[in-house]
C-alpha atoms as a PDB file:
ATOM      1  CA  MET A   1     106.754  75.068  46.192  1.00  0.00           C
ATOM      2  CA  LYS A   2     105.231  73.787  49.438  1.00  0.00           C
ATOM      3  CA  LYS A   3     108.650  73.909  51.125  1.00  0.00           C
ATOM      4  CA  LEU A   4     109.121  77.522  50.033  1.00  0.00           C
ATOM      5  CA  ILE A   5     105.740  78.487  51.500  1.00  0.00           C
ATOM      6  CA  VAL A   6     106.601  76.721  54.770  1.00  0.00           C
ATOM      7  CA  VAL A   7     109.995  78.482  54.946  1.00  0.00           C
ATOM      8  CA  ILE A   8     108.423  81.899  54.246  1.00  0.00           C
ATOM      9  CA  PHE A   9     105.744  81.236  56.856  1.00  0.00           C
ATOM     10  CA  ALA A  10     108.363  80.126  59.428  1.00  0.00           C
ATOM     11  CA  LEU A  11     110.521  83.214  58.769  1.00  0.00           C
ATOM     12  CA  GLY A  12     107.497  85.474  59.058  1.00  0.00           C
ATOM     13  CA  LEU A  13     106.490  83.806  62.311  1.00  0.00           C
ATOM     14  CA  ALA A  14     110.039  84.098  63.690  1.00  0.00           C
ATOM     15  CA  PHE A  15     110.191  87.786  62.716  1.00  0.00           C
ATOM     16  CA  ASN A  16     106.799  88.423  64.290  1.00  0.00           C
ATOM     17  CA  MET A  17     107.857  86.700  67.518  1.00  0.00           C
ATOM     18  CA  GLN A  18     111.000  88.816  67.697  1.00  0.00           C
ATOM     19  CA  ALA A  19     108.885  91.959  67.295  1.00  0.00           C
ATOM     20  CA  GLN A  20     106.806  90.939  70.307  1.00  0.00           C
ATOM     21  CA  LYS A  21     107.545  92.303  73.735  1.00  0.00           C
ATOM     22  CA  VAL A  22     107.089  90.092  76.819  1.00  0.00           C
ATOM     23  CA  ASP A  23     106.893  91.563  80.314  1.00  0.00           C
ATOM     24  CA  LEU A  24     106.546  89.726  83.611  1.00  0.00           C
ATOM     25  CA  GLY A  25     106.173  91.653  86.822  1.00  0.00           C
ATOM     26  CA  LEU A  26     104.515  92.514  90.106  1.00  0.00           C
ATOM     27  CA  LYS A  27     102.150  95.302  91.067  1.00  0.00           C
ATOM     28  CA  LEU A  28     100.930  96.855  94.311  1.00  0.00           C
ATOM     29  CA  GLY A  29      98.377  99.556  94.903  1.00  0.00           C
ATOM     30  CA  ALA A  30      95.184 100.804  96.480  1.00  0.00           C
ATOM     31  CA  ASN A  31      91.526 100.069  95.777  1.00  0.00           C
ATOM     32  CA  PHE A  32      88.763 102.578  96.407  1.00  0.00           C
ATOM     33  CA  SER A  33      85.651 100.409  96.307  1.00  0.00           C
ATOM     34  CA  ASN A  34      81.929 100.776  96.760  1.00  0.00           C
ATOM     35  CA  VAL A  35      78.738  98.872  96.060  1.00  0.00           C
ATOM     36  CA  SER A  36      76.531 100.384  93.356  1.00  0.00           C
ATOM     37  CA  ASP A  37      72.883  99.741  92.492  1.00  0.00           C
ATOM     38  CA  ALA A  38      72.271  98.710  96.102  1.00  0.00           C
ATOM     39  CA  GLY A  39      68.560  99.527  96.178  1.00  0.00           C
ATOM     40  CA  GLY A  40      68.741 102.702  98.244  1.00  0.00           C
ATOM     41  CA  LEU A  41      71.206 101.434 100.869  1.00  0.00           C
ATOM     42  CA  ASN A  42      73.752 103.989 102.018  1.00  0.00           C
ATOM     43  CA  PHE A  43      77.239 102.673 101.197  1.00  0.00           C
ATOM     44  CA  LYS A  44      80.432 104.746 101.345  1.00  0.00           C
ATOM     45  CA  ASN A  45      83.839 104.194  99.734  1.00  0.00           C
ATOM     46  CA  LYS A  46      86.217 101.714 101.355  1.00  0.00           C
ATOM     47  CA  THR A  47      89.985 101.708 100.829  1.00  0.00           C
ATOM     48  CA  GLY A  48      91.778  98.387 100.381  1.00  0.00           C
ATOM     49  CA  LEU A  49      94.840  96.709  98.934  1.00  0.00           C
ATOM     50  CA  VAL A  50      95.427  95.329  95.444  1.00  0.00           C
ATOM     51  CA  ALA A  51      98.552  93.243  94.788  1.00  0.00           C
ATOM     52  CA  GLY A  52      99.647  90.585  92.341  1.00  0.00           C
ATOM     53  CA  ALA A  53     101.481  89.612  89.186  1.00  0.00           C
ATOM     54  CA  PHE A  54     101.101  90.335  85.464  1.00  0.00           C
ATOM     55  CA  LEU A  55     102.312  88.959  82.156  1.00  0.00           C
ATOM     56  CA  SER A  56     102.175  91.256  79.128  1.00  0.00           C
ATOM     57  CA  ILE A  57     102.647  89.996  75.561  1.00  0.00           C
ATOM     58  CA  GLY A  58     102.469  92.298  72.569  1.00  0.00           C
ATOM     59  CA  THR A  59     104.079  94.856  70.335  1.00  0.00           C
ATOM     60  CA  SER A  60     104.856  98.539  70.722  1.00  0.00           C
ATOM     61  CA  LYS A  61     101.217  99.314  69.763  1.00  0.00           C
ATOM     62  CA  PHE A  62      99.095  96.532  71.269  1.00  0.00           C
ATOM     63  CA  ALA A  63      99.410  94.033  74.136  1.00  0.00           C
ATOM     64  CA  VAL A  64      97.389  91.454  76.030  1.00  0.00           C
ATOM     65  CA  GLN A  65      98.017  91.467  79.770  1.00  0.00           C
ATOM     66  CA  PRO A  66      96.530  88.740  81.984  1.00  0.00           C
ATOM     67  CA  GLU A  67      96.992  89.262  85.718  1.00  0.00           C
ATOM     68  CA  VAL A  68      96.376  87.485  89.023  1.00  0.00           C
ATOM     69  CA  LEU A  69      95.550  89.939  91.807  1.00  0.00           C
ATOM     70  CA  TYR A  70      94.498  89.856  95.448  1.00  0.00           C
ATOM     71  CA  SER A  71      91.858  92.571  95.771  1.00  0.00           C
ATOM     72  CA  GLN A  72      90.254  93.944  98.957  1.00  0.00           C
ATOM     73  CA  GLN A  73      86.834  95.334  98.062  1.00  0.00           C
ATOM     74  CA  GLY A  74      83.493  96.119  99.668  1.00  0.00           C
ATOM     75  CA  ALA A  75      82.092  99.279 101.206  1.00  0.00           C
ATOM     76  CA  LYS A  76      81.556 101.097 104.475  1.00  0.00           C
ATOM     77  CA  THR A  77      78.127 101.236 106.059  1.00  0.00           C
ATOM     78  CA  ASP A  78      76.654 102.833 109.169  1.00  0.00           C
ATOM     79  CA  PHE A  79      77.248  99.455 110.897  1.00  0.00           C
ATOM     80  CA  GLY A  80      80.924  99.042 109.932  1.00  0.00           C
ATOM     81  CA  SER A  81      82.952  97.816 107.024  1.00  0.00           C
ATOM     82  CA  PHE A  82      81.481  95.401 104.464  1.00  0.00           C
ATOM     83  CA  ASP A  83      84.565  93.444 103.369  1.00  0.00           C
ATOM     84  CA  LEU A  84      84.833  91.262 100.267  1.00  0.00           C
ATOM     85  CA  ASP A  85      88.268  89.934  99.343  1.00  0.00           C
ATOM     86  CA  TYR A  86      88.796  88.397  95.923  1.00  0.00           C
ATOM     87  CA  VAL A  87      91.410  86.741  93.777  1.00  0.00           C
ATOM     88  CA  MET A  88      90.873  88.635  90.534  1.00  0.00           C
ATOM     89  CA  VAL A  89      91.948  87.512  87.074  1.00  0.00           C
ATOM     90  CA  PRO A  90      91.700  90.438  84.651  1.00  0.00           C
ATOM     91  CA  VAL A  91      92.628  89.994  80.996  1.00  0.00           C
ATOM     92  CA  MET A  92      93.487  93.480  79.802  1.00  0.00           C
ATOM     93  CA  PHE A  93      93.815  94.503  76.158  1.00  0.00           C
ATOM     94  CA  LYS A  94      96.203  97.456  75.944  1.00  0.00           C
ATOM     95  CA  PHE A  95      96.440  99.902  73.061  1.00  0.00           C
ATOM     96  CA  TYR A  96      99.476 102.218  73.147  1.00  0.00           C
ATOM     97  CA  LEU A  97      98.697 105.832  72.275  1.00  0.00           C
ATOM     98  CA  VAL A  98     102.381 106.693  72.641  1.00  0.00           C
ATOM     99  CA  GLU A  99     104.603 103.800  71.579  1.00  0.00           C
ATOM    100  CA  ASN A 100     105.661 101.654  74.588  1.00  0.00           C
ATOM    101  CA  ILE A 101     104.720 104.444  77.044  1.00  0.00           C
ATOM    102  CA  LEU A 102     101.093 105.627  77.324  1.00  0.00           C
ATOM    103  CA  ASN A 103      98.295 103.090  76.956  1.00  0.00           C
ATOM    104  CA  ILE A 104      94.573 102.702  77.369  1.00  0.00           C
ATOM    105  CA  GLN A 105      93.227  99.358  78.525  1.00  0.00           C
ATOM    106  CA  ALA A 106      90.000  97.415  78.689  1.00  0.00           C
ATOM    107  CA  GLY A 107      88.965  93.852  79.315  1.00  0.00           C
ATOM    108  CA  PRO A 108      86.989  91.337  81.347  1.00  0.00           C
ATOM    109  CA  GLN A 109      87.774  90.455  84.945  1.00  0.00           C
ATOM    110  CA  PHE A 110      86.913  87.271  86.792  1.00  0.00           C
ATOM    111  CA  GLY A 111      86.761  87.361  90.596  1.00  0.00           C
ATOM    112  CA  PHE A 112      86.759  84.505  93.107  1.00  0.00           C
ATOM    113  CA  LEU A 113      85.645  85.381  96.652  1.00  0.00           C
ATOM    114  CA  THR A 114      88.218  84.316  99.270  1.00  0.00           C
ATOM    115  CA  HIS A 115      87.025  86.149 102.407  1.00  0.00           C
ATOM    116  CA  LYS A 116      84.027  88.119 103.612  1.00  0.00           C
ATOM    117  CA  SER A 117      83.099  89.906 106.826  1.00  0.00           C
ATOM    118  CA  LEU A 118      79.980  91.618 108.141  1.00  0.00           C
ATOM    119  CA  THR A 119      78.086  89.499 105.638  1.00  0.00           C
ATOM    120  CA  GLU A 120      77.472  86.301 107.580  1.00  0.00           C
ATOM    121  CA  GLN A 121      73.725  86.927 107.499  1.00  0.00           C
ATOM    122  CA  LEU A 122      73.914  87.833 103.806  1.00  0.00           C
ATOM    123  CA  GLU A 123      74.598  85.026 101.344  1.00  0.00           C
ATOM    124  CA  THR A 124      77.202  86.473  98.980  1.00  0.00           C
ATOM    125  CA  LYS A 125      78.100  84.985  95.617  1.00  0.00           C
ATOM    126  CA  ASP A 126      81.470  83.275  95.297  1.00  0.00           C
ATOM    127  CA  PHE A 127      82.091  84.593  91.760  1.00  0.00           C
ATOM    128  CA  ASP A 128      82.173  88.151  90.437  1.00  0.00           C
ATOM    129  CA  PHE A 129      82.307  89.060  86.745  1.00  0.00           C
ATOM    130  CA  SER A 130      83.241  92.631  85.901  1.00  0.00           C
ATOM    131  CA  GLY A 131      84.658  94.842  83.186  1.00  0.00           C
ATOM    132  CA  ALA A 132      87.734  97.003  83.574  1.00  0.00           C
ATOM    133  CA  VAL A 133      88.820 100.169  81.777  1.00  0.00           C
ATOM    134  CA  GLY A 134      91.849 102.303  82.456  1.00  0.00           C
ATOM    135  CA  ALA A 135      95.079 103.938  81.423  1.00  0.00           C
ATOM    136  CA  GLY A 136      98.710 103.201  82.118  1.00  0.00           C
ATOM    137  CA  LEU A 137     102.237 104.488  81.809  1.00  0.00           C
ATOM    138  CA  ASP A 138     105.204 102.198  81.111  1.00  0.00           C
ATOM    139  CA  LEU A 139     108.125 104.138  82.556  1.00  0.00           C
ATOM    140  CA  PRO A 140     111.891 103.635  82.180  1.00  0.00           C
ATOM    141  CA  LEU A 141     113.678 100.957  84.245  1.00  0.00           C
ATOM    142  CA  GLY A 142     110.612  98.666  84.187  1.00  0.00           C
ATOM    143  CA  PHE A 143     108.291 100.791  86.344  1.00  0.00           C
ATOM    144  CA  ARG A 144     104.578 101.080  85.532  1.00  0.00           C
ATOM    145  CA  ILE A 145     101.606 103.059  86.770  1.00  0.00           C
ATOM    146  CA  ASP A 146      98.034 101.891  86.148  1.00  0.00           C
ATOM    147  CA  ALA A 147      94.712 103.543  86.951  1.00  0.00           C
ATOM    148  CA  ARG A 148      91.552 101.477  86.393  1.00  0.00           C
ATOM    149  CA  TYR A 149      87.877 101.387  87.094  1.00  0.00           C
ATOM    150  CA  ASN A 150      86.222  97.976  87.490  1.00  0.00           C
ATOM    151  CA  PHE A 151      82.456  97.906  87.119  1.00  0.00           C
ATOM    152  CA  GLY A 152      80.617  94.811  88.270  1.00  0.00           C
ATOM    153  CA  PHE A 153      78.159  92.973  86.045  1.00  0.00           C
ATOM    154  CA  THR A 154      77.043  90.440  88.658  1.00  0.00           C
ATOM    155  CA  GLU A 155      75.283  91.153  91.923  1.00  0.00           C
ATOM    156  CA  ILE A 156      77.344  90.423  95.033  1.00  0.00           C
ATOM    157  CA  SER A 157      74.497  88.683  96.855  1.00  0.00           C
ATOM    158  CA  LYS A 158      71.692  86.308  96.030  1.00  0.00           C
ATOM    159  CA  GLU A 159      69.184  88.239  98.180  1.00  0.00           C
ATOM    160  CA  ALA A 160      70.217  91.894  97.998  1.00  0.00           C
ATOM    161  CA  LYS A 161      71.008  93.985  94.964  1.00  0.00           C
ATOM    162  CA  GLY A 162      74.399  95.609  94.581  1.00  0.00           C
ATOM    163  CA  LYS A 163      77.420  95.349  92.311  1.00  0.00           C
ATOM    164  CA  ASN A 164      81.101  95.981  92.942  1.00  0.00           C
ATOM    165  CA  GLY A 165      82.563  99.242  91.706  1.00  0.00           C
ATOM    166  CA  VAL A 166      86.304  99.686  92.235  1.00  0.00           C
ATOM    167  CA  PHE A 167      88.800 102.394  91.283  1.00  0.00           C
ATOM    168  CA  SER A 168      92.406 101.078  91.485  1.00  0.00           C
ATOM    169  CA  LEU A 169      95.700 102.900  91.396  1.00  0.00           C
ATOM    170  CA  ALA A 170      98.774 100.633  91.224  1.00  0.00           C
ATOM    171  CA  LEU A 171     102.532 100.818  90.780  1.00  0.00           C
ATOM    172  CA  GLY A 172     104.200  97.905  88.995  1.00  0.00           C
ATOM    173  CA  TYR A 173     107.637  96.656  88.147  1.00  0.00           C
ATOM    174  CA  SER A 174     108.518  94.506  85.123  1.00  0.00           C
ATOM    175  CA  PHE A 175     111.441  92.085  85.465  1.00  0.00           C
ATOM    176  CA  LEU A 176     111.841  91.546  81.715  1.00  0.00           C
END
């Protein structure tokens, strides 16, 4: 009886794995970032680059998509550009509204500061935790389009208030 249960479990697992879809690819796009909750400081949107790789594992209805992205963020001020570059690691949970085509996504994002400018006098934090929400299209021939908004939970500096807010628009290509 135990062998029968193990065989049924193994067949079910094998069937479930075959029903899963795995995608590996690259993405490139633009960030439109700002600093919110900055205590009355006048920041304006800054345009930057977002680029990296993704791995998506799931079914035609649901997928988990971790990514590793280089993300140029920050804001413009009256004194110049306030630049914060991160390596971001979002873990997106995707729910397909239209099977394998249209999806909505949400998940946490972990950011590691790699470069900063115009902030030498300001002690910025090396880690940024944010949430991301968005929508995407998985198009024929492996192409993808994603639109997301990332809203920061942590303040970017130890002294001054302000959190990252980033709208991203990216085009991707899946090799699998």
